[in-house]
Protein backbone atom coordinates (compact mmCIF):
# COMPACT_ATOMS: atom_id res chain seq x y z
CA MET A 1 -8.06 -6.55 14.87
CA ARG A 2 -5.14 -5.50 15.38
CA ILE A 3 -2.62 -4.69 12.45
CA ALA A 4 1.10 -3.94 12.11
CA VAL A 5 1.66 -2.30 9.01
CA THR A 6 5.70 -2.64 8.16
CA GLY A 7 7.37 -1.05 5.52
CA SER A 8 8.67 2.04 3.72
CA ILE A 9 8.01 5.68 5.70
CA ALA A 10 9.22 8.48 3.23
CA THR A 11 9.00 12.09 2.03
CA ASP A 12 7.30 12.30 -1.48
CA HIS A 13 8.58 14.80 -3.75
CA LEU A 14 5.97 14.84 -6.77
CA MET A 15 6.31 16.49 -9.79
CA THR A 16 4.51 17.05 -12.71
CA PHE A 17 5.58 16.83 -16.23
CA PRO A 18 3.35 18.67 -18.98
CA GLY A 19 3.70 16.04 -21.88
CA ARG A 20 4.05 12.03 -22.64
CA PHE A 21 6.96 10.27 -21.39
CA VAL A 22 6.55 8.20 -24.41
CA ASP A 23 6.95 10.60 -26.95
CA GLN A 24 10.70 11.75 -25.62
CA LEU A 25 11.64 7.93 -25.93
CA LEU A 26 12.90 7.61 -29.38
CA PRO A 27 13.25 3.93 -30.36
CA ASP A 28 16.50 3.89 -32.13
CA GLN A 29 18.02 5.92 -28.90
CA LEU A 30 16.89 3.73 -26.23
CA ALA A 31 21.00 2.55 -25.60
CA HIS A 32 21.82 5.93 -24.96
CA VAL A 33 18.88 7.25 -22.96
CA SER A 34 19.96 10.74 -21.55
CA LEU A 35 16.52 12.87 -20.73
CA SER A 36 16.08 15.80 -18.69
CA PHE A 37 12.27 16.85 -18.18
CA LEU A 38 11.22 20.37 -17.26
CA VAL A 39 7.93 20.01 -14.84
CA SER A 40 5.46 22.62 -13.88
CA SER A 41 5.12 21.39 -10.42
CA LEU A 42 6.78 20.16 -7.18
CA GLU A 43 4.78 19.16 -4.29
CA VAL A 44 6.58 17.80 -1.17
CA ARG A 45 4.13 15.70 0.75
CA ARG A 46 4.17 12.57 3.51
CA GLY A 47 4.59 9.33 2.23
CA GLY A 48 6.01 5.48 2.46
CA VAL A 49 3.84 3.01 1.88
CA ALA A 50 3.32 1.34 5.06
CA ALA A 51 3.13 4.98 6.70
CA ASN A 52 0.41 5.90 3.92
CA ILE A 53 -1.54 2.57 4.79
CA ALA A 54 -1.43 3.17 8.35
CA TYR A 55 -2.69 6.51 7.87
CA GLY A 56 -5.55 5.08 5.78
CA LEU A 57 -6.41 2.51 8.68
CA GLY A 58 -5.86 4.98 11.10
CA GLY A 59 -8.69 7.20 9.47
CA LEU A 60 -10.99 3.94 9.39
CA GLY A 61 -11.25 4.08 13.52
CA LEU A 62 -8.47 1.26 13.90
CA THR A 63 -5.23 2.11 15.25
CA PRO A 64 -2.72 -0.19 13.63
CA VAL A 65 1.10 -0.17 14.50
CA LEU A 66 3.58 1.21 12.15
CA ALA A 67 6.72 -0.35 11.76
CA GLY A 68 9.87 1.08 9.88
CA ALA A 69 12.91 2.83 9.95
CA VAL A 70 13.60 6.39 9.81
CA GLY A 71 16.03 9.31 10.61
CA VAL A 72 16.03 12.19 13.26
CA ASP A 73 13.65 14.48 10.93
CA PHE A 74 10.56 12.41 11.36
CA GLN A 75 9.50 14.20 14.56
CA GLU A 76 7.15 16.39 12.85
CA TYR A 77 5.90 13.55 10.51
CA GLU A 78 5.09 11.54 13.75
CA VAL A 79 2.72 14.01 15.19
CA TRP A 80 1.01 13.85 12.16
CA LEU A 81 0.68 9.96 12.43
CA LYS A 82 -0.14 9.95 16.09
CA GLU A 83 -2.85 13.07 15.40
CA HIS A 84 -4.38 10.50 12.56
CA GLY A 85 -4.82 7.11 14.82
CA VAL A 86 -1.48 5.68 14.21
CA ASP A 87 0.38 4.17 16.57
CA THR A 88 4.36 4.80 16.10
CA SER A 89 5.84 3.00 18.86
CA GLY A 90 7.04 0.49 16.17
CA VAL A 91 9.43 2.93 14.38
CA HIS A 92 13.22 2.77 14.56
CA VAL A 93 14.99 5.81 14.78
CA SER A 94 18.51 5.83 12.96
CA ASP A 95 21.11 7.91 14.27
CA SER A 96 22.97 8.57 11.03
CA CYS A 97 20.29 8.53 8.11
CA GLN A 98 17.27 10.39 6.84
CA THR A 99 14.10 9.29 6.34
CA ALA A 100 13.43 7.72 2.72
CA ARG A 101 13.23 10.15 0.08
CA PHE A 102 10.76 9.03 -2.60
CA MET A 103 10.83 11.57 -6.11
CA CYS A 104 8.22 10.86 -8.46
CA MET A 105 7.40 12.48 -12.14
CA THR A 106 4.03 12.16 -13.68
CA ASP A 107 3.07 12.98 -17.06
CA GLU A 108 -0.06 13.97 -18.35
CA ASP A 109 -1.28 9.70 -19.31
CA SER A 110 -0.44 9.25 -15.70
CA HIS A 111 2.39 7.34 -16.17
CA GLN A 112 5.29 7.53 -14.01
CA ILE A 113 9.24 7.71 -13.43
CA ALA A 114 10.20 7.23 -10.01
CA SER A 115 13.35 6.96 -8.14
CA PHE A 116 13.73 6.07 -4.04
CA TYR A 117 16.82 6.96 -1.42
CA ALA A 118 16.44 4.46 1.00
CA GLY A 119 18.04 6.48 3.65
CA ALA A 120 17.46 5.05 7.30
CA MET A 121 14.62 2.44 5.46
CA ALA A 122 18.23 0.49 5.54
CA GLU A 123 17.75 -0.10 8.68
CA ALA A 124 14.21 -1.57 8.62
CA ALA A 125 15.73 -5.01 9.45
CA GLU A 126 16.49 -4.12 13.40
CA ILE A 127 13.12 -4.01 13.83
CA ASP A 128 11.64 -7.06 15.88
CA LEU A 129 8.31 -7.78 15.34
CA ARG A 130 8.00 -9.70 18.96
CA THR A 131 7.94 -6.17 20.43
CA LEU A 132 4.89 -5.16 18.57
CA THR A 133 1.64 -4.82 20.21
CA GLY A 134 -1.50 -2.70 19.94
CA PRO A 135 -3.05 -0.74 21.98
CA GLY A 136 -3.04 -1.76 25.88
CA ASP A 137 -0.39 -4.39 24.87
CA ALA A 138 -2.93 -6.66 22.94
CA PRO A 139 -1.37 -8.94 20.49
CA VAL A 140 -1.37 -8.32 16.79
CA ASP A 141 -3.31 -10.03 14.80
CA LEU A 142 -1.91 -9.45 11.15
CA VAL A 143 1.10 -8.19 9.74
CA LEU A 144 0.93 -6.51 6.76
CA VAL A 145 4.82 -7.16 4.91
CA SER A 146 4.92 -4.10 2.36
CA PRO A 147 7.69 -3.21 0.54
CA ASN A 148 10.73 -2.05 2.75
CA ASP A 149 14.72 -2.99 2.94
CA PRO A 150 14.59 -6.61 1.17
CA ALA A 151 16.44 -7.57 4.39
CA ALA A 152 13.66 -6.41 6.75
CA MET A 153 10.59 -7.98 4.85
CA LEU A 154 12.33 -11.46 4.85
CA ARG A 155 12.75 -11.66 8.18
CA HIS A 156 8.83 -9.94 9.11
CA THR A 157 8.08 -12.90 6.59
CA ARG A 158 10.28 -15.47 8.60
CA GLN A 159 9.07 -13.95 11.94
CA CYS A 160 5.45 -14.04 11.42
CA ARG A 161 5.82 -17.99 10.22
CA GLY A 162 7.58 -18.22 13.33
CA LEU A 163 5.43 -16.59 15.73
CA GLY A 164 2.38 -18.01 13.99
CA ILE A 165 1.26 -14.49 13.17
CA PRO A 166 -1.14 -14.32 10.18
CA PHE A 167 0.43 -12.12 7.47
CA ALA A 168 -0.27 -10.35 4.32
CA ALA A 169 2.41 -10.02 1.75
CA ASP A 170 2.64 -7.18 -0.45
CA PRO A 171 6.06 -6.86 -2.56
CA SER A 172 4.75 -4.53 -4.89
CA GLN A 173 8.00 -2.14 -5.97
CA GLN A 174 10.44 -4.45 -4.33
CA LEU A 175 9.82 -7.04 -6.58
CA ALA A 176 11.85 -5.83 -8.89
CA ARG A 177 14.88 -6.38 -6.30
CA LEU A 178 14.08 -9.64 -5.47
CA CYS A 179 15.65 -12.85 -7.18
CA GLY A 180 13.12 -16.06 -7.31
CA HIS A 181 14.17 -17.41 -3.90
CA GLU A 182 13.56 -14.34 -2.09
CA ALA A 183 10.13 -13.47 -3.65
CA ARG A 184 9.17 -17.55 -3.06
CA GLU A 185 9.76 -16.88 0.43
CA LEU A 186 7.72 -13.91 1.02
CA VAL A 187 4.79 -15.20 -0.61
CA LYS A 188 4.62 -18.65 0.88
CA GLY A 189 2.19 -19.16 3.44
CA ALA A 190 0.64 -15.50 2.85
CA ARG A 191 -3.01 -15.09 4.07
CA TRP A 192 -3.31 -12.22 1.57
CA LEU A 193 -1.15 -11.33 -1.12
CA PHE A 194 -1.51 -7.86 -2.40
CA THR A 195 0.18 -6.91 -6.25
CA ASN A 196 -1.32 -4.72 -9.03
CA GLU A 197 -1.28 -6.16 -12.47
CA SER A 198 2.28 -5.77 -13.93
CA GLU A 199 3.67 -6.79 -10.43
CA SER A 200 1.42 -10.06 -11.02
CA ALA A 201 2.98 -11.11 -14.03
CA LEU A 202 6.67 -9.70 -12.27
CA LEU A 203 5.76 -11.94 -9.64
CA ARG A 204 4.91 -15.15 -11.79
CA GLU A 205 8.37 -14.40 -13.52
CA ARG A 206 10.29 -14.19 -10.30
CA THR A 207 8.89 -17.21 -8.76
CA CYS A 208 8.78 -19.44 -11.79
CA TRP A 209 5.49 -20.30 -10.43
CA ASP A 210 2.10 -19.96 -12.84
CA ALA A 211 -1.11 -18.43 -11.15
CA GLY A 212 -2.28 -21.75 -10.09
CA GLN A 213 0.72 -22.23 -8.19
CA ILE A 214 0.79 -19.01 -6.52
CA LEU A 215 -2.69 -19.53 -5.27
CA ASP A 216 -1.82 -23.05 -3.77
CA ARG A 217 0.84 -21.41 -1.36
CA VAL A 218 -1.59 -18.01 -0.18
CA GLY A 219 -5.00 -17.65 1.23
CA ILE A 220 -6.33 -14.94 -1.03
CA TRP A 221 -4.91 -13.28 -3.93
CA VAL A 222 -5.80 -9.28 -4.51
CA THR A 223 -4.80 -7.32 -7.71
CA THR A 224 -5.61 -4.00 -8.48
CA LEU A 225 -6.22 -3.12 -11.86
CA GLY A 226 -6.07 0.29 -12.16
CA ALA A 227 -9.09 1.79 -13.60
CA GLU A 228 -10.55 -1.35 -13.95
CA GLY A 229 -10.69 -2.06 -10.23
CA VAL A 230 -9.85 -5.14 -8.74
CA ARG A 231 -9.61 -8.82 -8.86
CA ILE A 232 -10.29 -11.39 -5.74
CA GLU A 233 -9.04 -15.23 -6.63
CA ARG A 234 -8.95 -17.89 -4.52
CA LYS A 235 -7.95 -21.44 -5.39
CA GLY A 236 -10.80 -23.66 -6.61
CA GLU A 237 -13.18 -20.99 -6.62
CA ALA A 238 -14.19 -18.48 -10.06
CA ALA A 239 -12.27 -14.69 -9.48
CA LEU A 240 -14.20 -11.97 -8.46
CA THR A 241 -14.11 -8.76 -10.04
CA VAL A 242 -15.11 -5.21 -8.44
CA PRO A 243 -15.38 -2.38 -10.45
CA ALA A 244 -13.60 1.15 -9.77
CA VAL A 245 -15.36 3.84 -8.65
CA PRO A 246 -16.71 5.58 -12.12
CA GLY A 247 -16.49 9.55 -12.93
CA LEU A 248 -13.23 10.65 -11.06
CA ARG A 249 -11.33 13.80 -11.62
CA PRO A 250 -7.63 12.28 -11.24
CA LYS A 251 -5.16 14.21 -9.51
CA SER A 252 -2.24 11.99 -8.89
CA PRO A 253 -1.96 8.25 -8.46
CA THR A 254 0.74 8.29 -5.99
CA GLY A 255 -0.48 6.55 -2.83
CA VAL A 256 -3.99 5.28 -4.04
CA GLY A 257 -2.96 1.51 -3.77
CA ASP A 258 -2.20 1.98 -0.86
CA ALA A 259 -5.52 3.60 0.08
CA PHE A 260 -7.09 0.36 -1.61
CA ARG A 261 -5.29 -2.03 0.71
CA ALA A 262 -6.13 0.51 4.17
CA GLY A 263 -10.17 0.30 2.99
CA PHE A 264 -9.79 -3.60 2.26
CA LEU A 265 -7.98 -4.49 5.44
CA ALA A 266 -10.53 -2.72 7.40
CA ALA A 267 -13.08 -4.10 5.89
CA VAL A 268 -11.93 -7.63 6.72
CA SER A 269 -10.93 -6.46 10.34
CA TRP A 270 -14.84 -5.87 10.26
CA TYR A 271 -15.25 -9.51 8.95
CA LEU A 272 -17.03 -8.23 5.98
CA PRO A 273 -17.61 -9.96 3.00
CA LEU A 274 -15.18 -9.71 -0.04
CA GLU A 275 -16.79 -7.65 -2.18
CA THR A 276 -17.92 -5.19 0.24
CA ALA A 277 -14.08 -5.29 1.47
CA ALA A 278 -13.24 -4.24 -2.26
CA GLN A 279 -15.73 -1.88 -2.43
CA LEU A 280 -14.34 0.15 0.65
CA GLY A 281 -11.03 -0.12 -1.02
CA CYS A 282 -11.93 1.20 -3.98
CA ALA A 283 -13.75 3.88 -2.33
CA MET A 284 -10.77 4.44 -0.31
CA ALA A 285 -8.44 4.70 -3.59
CA ALA A 286 -10.71 7.32 -5.15
CA LEU A 287 -10.15 9.43 -2.43
CA ALA A 288 -6.37 9.32 -2.89
CA LEU A 289 -6.65 9.65 -6.34
CA GLU A 290 -8.75 12.84 -6.32
CA ALA A 291 -5.87 14.21 -4.21
CA VAL A 292 -2.46 15.61 -4.45
CA GLY A 293 -0.26 13.38 -1.96
CA SER A 294 -0.57 10.12 -0.30
CA GLN A 295 -2.29 11.35 2.92
CA ASP A 296 -3.80 14.59 1.91
CA TYR A 297 -7.43 13.09 1.47
CA GLU A 298 -9.66 13.02 4.76
CA VAL A 299 -11.93 10.01 5.50
CA ASP A 300 -15.40 11.72 5.68
CA PRO A 301 -18.02 8.65 6.85
CA GLU A 302 -20.85 9.97 5.15
CA GLN A 303 -19.26 10.71 1.86
CA LEU A 304 -17.42 7.25 1.70
CA LEU A 305 -20.99 5.80 2.20
CA ALA A 306 -22.56 8.19 -0.54
CA THR A 307 -19.52 6.57 -2.88
CA VAL A 308 -20.39 3.17 -2.25
CA THR A 309 -24.31 3.87 -2.63
CA THR A 310 -23.77 5.49 -5.58
CA ALA A 311 -20.95 3.21 -7.04
CA TYR A 312 -22.04 -0.32 -5.53
CA GLY A 313 -25.46 0.09 -4.74
CA PRO A 314 -27.83 0.51 -1.21
CA ASP A 315 -26.94 -3.15 -0.19
CA SER A 316 -23.07 -2.28 -0.16
CA ALA A 317 -23.72 0.76 1.83
CA ARG A 318 -25.94 -1.30 4.42
CA LEU A 319 -23.26 -3.51 5.16
CA LEU A 320 -20.61 -0.91 5.31
CA GLY A 321 -23.17 1.73 7.37
CA PRO A 322 -22.96 0.33 10.99
CA ALA A 323 -18.72 0.52 10.91
CA LEU A 324 -18.40 3.59 9.19
CA ARG A 325 -21.52 5.72 11.44
CA ALA A 326 -19.57 4.33 14.07
CA LEU A 327 -16.28 6.58 13.20
CA THR A 328 -18.79 10.14 13.52
């Protein structure tokens, strides 16, 4: 399966606050918030939702086509992605803006305060999906529309419908920027819908649709639940819940959801059952959670199989074994 991943490409500035944000927020002063946090560490890493997902897919042996907008400062980052199996032919390079910046502070409860500078991402709407192909000019089988400039997300979704290309909707962080009409347009007709639990609630609020109405308009809705794992819903069927990998030593939550999506979509491309896809997604998420930086984990097929065996049993490992061992 040829997968095109559209969305943000950014540099991450990841900071650690050795305390709890909630202890700094005084209920009677919320209308006058003015806070400064002294952080204990700063890590500058490669990131951006689309680039993170493409990195994970590349590590699993796929050759995803990355489609996003960057600045002229992207050269070193591009080499890194190519070395990790990512096709960057769909990347638009701005001649006036720098690559986007994500600035995130994480406290000891793994709660985060973040800001995002779009930079070159504002030009992402100039990307035409008709120019995207996989290796050997093969057509794209699936487009993942992940957080990006809202105009680009809308254009890519409309093009998928017009060209008859199956697409996955992953509005995520951009839901807060979208009006009801935009949120409804991004979701309608998606083969796959990805949210986390809070985004699930926000999506219902933005669209004015309840869960049943959303399921009327999408194929499969995948909701990540953090430490509780993932929930998969389809119209007319009981929800499927897959637990997260237990016993982890978290270092940073940034990029964990992106790693999950990479694992899930890779398993889908191998035509494996949904439960197995979610299990591989959770195993990939575990790799990212125990690393600092969204692309600072290595995909080791034997390690993944060992994780799946321990967390989900030998039957799951048996299903994933052929595809993962083919990577070695």
